[in-house]
Amino acid sequence: MDHGDEPEYEAVAVRLKEEFAKLHPTEVVSRCVNAARHGAEDVTGSATPDLVERIARKHLQVLAVVAAERRQQSTLRNAAT
């Protein structure tokens, strides 16, 4: 991988960290960006910043839904006791 592309991926991480600041810690966003990048490389042989951003955003959205569902289930369990 050409390390000259790193600023492009860092820009993706910065955008997503801002977008998901109220939902996910910055470490989670960074891990999603890295996972999206490596996953795209494994599947397609390349990882454009645009593709990485779209994949990472979807992952972060799913994580937010799962977290909200868990909070709701926890609230319902606590109310039942």
C-alpha atoms as a PDB file:
ATOM      1  CA  MET A   1       0.000   0.000   0.000  1.00  0.00           C
ATOM      2  CA  ASP A   2       1.281   3.425  -0.917  1.00  0.00           C
ATOM      3  CA  HIS A   3       1.611   5.445   2.264  1.00  0.00           C
ATOM      4  CA  GLY A   4       1.222   8.604   0.221  1.00  0.00           C
ATOM      5  CA  ASP A   5      -2.541   7.861   0.283  1.00  0.00           C
ATOM      6  CA  GLU A   6      -2.694   8.025   4.087  1.00  0.00           C
ATOM      7  CA  PRO A   7      -3.939  11.657   4.271  1.00  0.00           C
ATOM      8  CA  GLU A   8      -6.940  10.684   2.150  1.00  0.00           C
ATOM      9  CA  TYR A   9      -7.928   7.994   4.645  1.00  0.00           C
ATOM     10  CA  GLU A  10      -7.246  10.317   7.567  1.00  0.00           C
ATOM     11  CA  ALA A  11      -9.626  12.828   5.973  1.00  0.00           C
ATOM     12  CA  VAL A  12     -12.268  10.074   5.833  1.00  0.00           C
ATOM     13  CA  ALA A  13     -11.708   9.326   9.512  1.00  0.00           C
ATOM     14  CA  VAL A  14     -11.957  13.007  10.441  1.00  0.00           C
ATOM     15  CA  ARG A  15     -15.258  13.420   8.577  1.00  0.00           C
ATOM     16  CA  LEU A  16     -16.755  10.315  10.142  1.00  0.00           C
ATOM     17  CA  LYS A  17     -15.516  11.216  13.624  1.00  0.00           C
ATOM     18  CA  GLU A  18     -17.329  14.540  13.302  1.00  0.00           C
ATOM     19  CA  GLU A  19     -20.458  12.919  11.862  1.00  0.00           C
ATOM     20  CA  PHE A  20     -20.662  10.255  14.581  1.00  0.00           C
ATOM     21  CA  ALA A  21     -19.218  12.249  17.493  1.00  0.00           C
ATOM     22  CA  LYS A  22     -22.383  11.893  19.578  1.00  0.00           C
ATOM     23  CA  LEU A  23     -22.720   8.172  18.886  1.00  0.00           C
ATOM     24  CA  HIS A  24     -19.264   6.573  18.861  1.00  0.00           C
ATOM     25  CA  PRO A  25     -15.868   7.154  20.461  1.00  0.00           C
ATOM     26  CA  THR A  26     -13.180   8.242  18.023  1.00  0.00           C
ATOM     27  CA  GLU A  27     -11.385   4.896  18.488  1.00  0.00           C
ATOM     28  CA  VAL A  28     -14.436   3.030  17.192  1.00  0.00           C
ATOM     29  CA  VAL A  29     -14.598   5.267  14.132  1.00  0.00           C
ATOM     30  CA  SER A  30     -10.892   4.740  13.440  1.00  0.00           C
ATOM     31  CA  ARG A  31     -11.287   0.970  13.713  1.00  0.00           C
ATOM     32  CA  CYS A  32     -14.253   1.035  11.314  1.00  0.00           C
ATOM     33  CA  VAL A  33     -12.293   3.072   8.767  1.00  0.00           C
ATOM     34  CA  ASN A  34      -9.333   0.680   9.012  1.00  0.00           C
ATOM     35  CA  ALA A  35     -11.575  -2.381   8.772  1.00  0.00           C
ATOM     36  CA  ALA A  36     -13.410  -0.926   5.775  1.00  0.00           C
ATOM     37  CA  ARG A  37     -10.134  -0.147   4.067  1.00  0.00           C
ATOM     38  CA  HIS A  38      -8.666  -3.604   4.602  1.00  0.00           C
ATOM     39  CA  GLY A  39     -11.950  -5.310   3.722  1.00  0.00           C
ATOM     40  CA  ALA A  40     -12.236  -3.393   0.470  1.00  0.00           C
ATOM     41  CA  GLU A  41      -8.633  -4.247  -0.393  1.00  0.00           C
ATOM     42  CA  ASP A  42      -9.249  -7.925   0.344  1.00  0.00           C
ATOM     43  CA  VAL A  43     -12.432  -8.102  -1.736  1.00  0.00           C
ATOM     44  CA  THR A  44     -11.729  -5.764  -4.642  1.00  0.00           C
ATOM     45  CA  GLY A  45      -7.955  -5.415  -4.591  1.00  0.00           C
ATOM     46  CA  SER A  46      -8.142  -1.674  -3.957  1.00  0.00           C
ATOM     47  CA  ALA A  47      -9.688   0.756  -1.517  1.00  0.00           C
ATOM     48  CA  THR A  48     -10.535   4.213  -2.742  1.00  0.00           C
ATOM     49  CA  PRO A  49     -11.240   6.737   0.010  1.00  0.00           C
ATOM     50  CA  ASP A  50     -14.814   7.106  -1.283  1.00  0.00           C
ATOM     51  CA  LEU A  51     -15.476   3.365  -1.017  1.00  0.00           C
ATOM     52  CA  VAL A  52     -13.844   3.183   2.413  1.00  0.00           C
ATOM     53  CA  GLU A  53     -15.975   6.089   3.633  1.00  0.00           C
ATOM     54  CA  ARG A  54     -19.219   4.511   2.376  1.00  0.00           C
ATOM     55  CA  ILE A  55     -18.418   1.135   3.955  1.00  0.00           C
ATOM     56  CA  ALA A  56     -17.282   2.636   7.258  1.00  0.00           C
ATOM     57  CA  ARG A  57     -20.359   4.905   7.425  1.00  0.00           C
ATOM     58  CA  LYS A  58     -22.663   1.894   6.955  1.00  0.00           C
ATOM     59  CA  HIS A  59     -20.833  -0.013   9.694  1.00  0.00           C
ATOM     60  CA  LEU A  60     -21.105   2.942  12.060  1.00  0.00           C
ATOM     61  CA  GLN A  61     -24.807   3.325  11.305  1.00  0.00           C
ATOM     62  CA  VAL A  62     -25.406  -0.353  12.070  1.00  0.00           C
ATOM     63  CA  LEU A  63     -23.440  -0.086  15.308  1.00  0.00           C
ATOM     64  CA  ALA A  64     -25.577   2.892  16.314  1.00  0.00           C
ATOM     65  CA  VAL A  65     -28.792   0.943  15.659  1.00  0.00           C
ATOM     66  CA  VAL A  66     -27.537  -2.041  17.663  1.00  0.00           C
ATOM     67  CA  ALA A  67     -26.511   0.219  20.557  1.00  0.00           C
ATOM     68  CA  ALA A  68     -29.931   1.915  20.548  1.00  0.00           C
ATOM     69  CA  GLU A  69     -31.701  -1.463  20.560  1.00  0.00           C
ATOM     70  CA  ARG A  70     -29.570  -2.663  23.464  1.00  0.00           C
ATOM     71  CA  ARG A  71     -30.348   0.495  25.429  1.00  0.00           C
ATOM     72  CA  GLN A  72     -34.051   0.029  24.750  1.00  0.00           C
ATOM     73  CA  GLN A  73     -33.966  -3.630  25.819  1.00  0.00           C
ATOM     74  CA  SER A  74     -32.085  -2.708  28.963  1.00  0.00           C
ATOM     75  CA  THR A  75     -34.615   0.006  29.773  1.00  0.00           C
ATOM     76  CA  LEU A  76     -37.496  -2.426  29.238  1.00  0.00           C
ATOM     77  CA  ARG A  77     -35.837  -5.062  31.474  1.00  0.00           C
ATOM     78  CA  ASN A  78     -35.253  -2.496  34.198  1.00  0.00           C
ATOM     79  CA  ALA A  79     -38.856  -1.286  34.005  1.00  0.00           C
ATOM     80  CA  ALA A  80     -40.131  -4.874  34.329  1.00  0.00           C
ATOM     81  CA  THR A  81     -38.273  -5.480  37.578  1.00  0.00           C
END
